[in-house]
């Protein structure tokens, strides 16, 4: 039996220590914070890299896909420049990603390889907060999907509805607006811009 000797002695920080992917912006790595079964909003603690409870979901809807972020990306000025209604710029968080798979992944704090097919242009309290849509690499159900048009429309509707409503508090309007759904080519531009934003904020030695 052979062993992989190229390993991390210490646990890498999910945002800064993991690789962005094997062939970005088309194929990326995703760190999953929330599974499709989670009624709790989890988020990586930026200082420690551990998963932190952010808040219980206010409503009854659950995430329709595995939800996390692409390592070594940042939703900053470059990403905001791709949105005509950027307002206050990017939200300065890692670029969010939703990964579809034929069988739901029932746990979080996992890493996976994904193929980018599109995205949602999302504004959260005036800040750009795009959600990349991808499919699990080598997934039997989505293995032919190359673009957002290859995904069943009902799944995109569910994603759009979830992000339009997941921050609603009773008797208050949603602070989140999904402005448009975009295709793979625009998603590639967003991922590339987020990689540039990350390097501008965290220059590499």
Foldseek 3Di string as FASTA:
>chain_A
DDDDPPDDPDDAQQAAGDDQADDPPFKGKWAFLFFQVAQWDWAQDPVPSDIDTPGGFQDDHGALFGKTAGHLFFQFQLLLVLDPQAQPTAPGDGQMEGEDAPDTDDDGRDMAMWGWWWWWFKAAQSHTRIYTYTYGDPHPVCPPRRKPVSDPPVSVVSNQVCQLPRPDDPPDHGRMDGPDITGRVVSRSSRVSRNVVSCVVPPDD
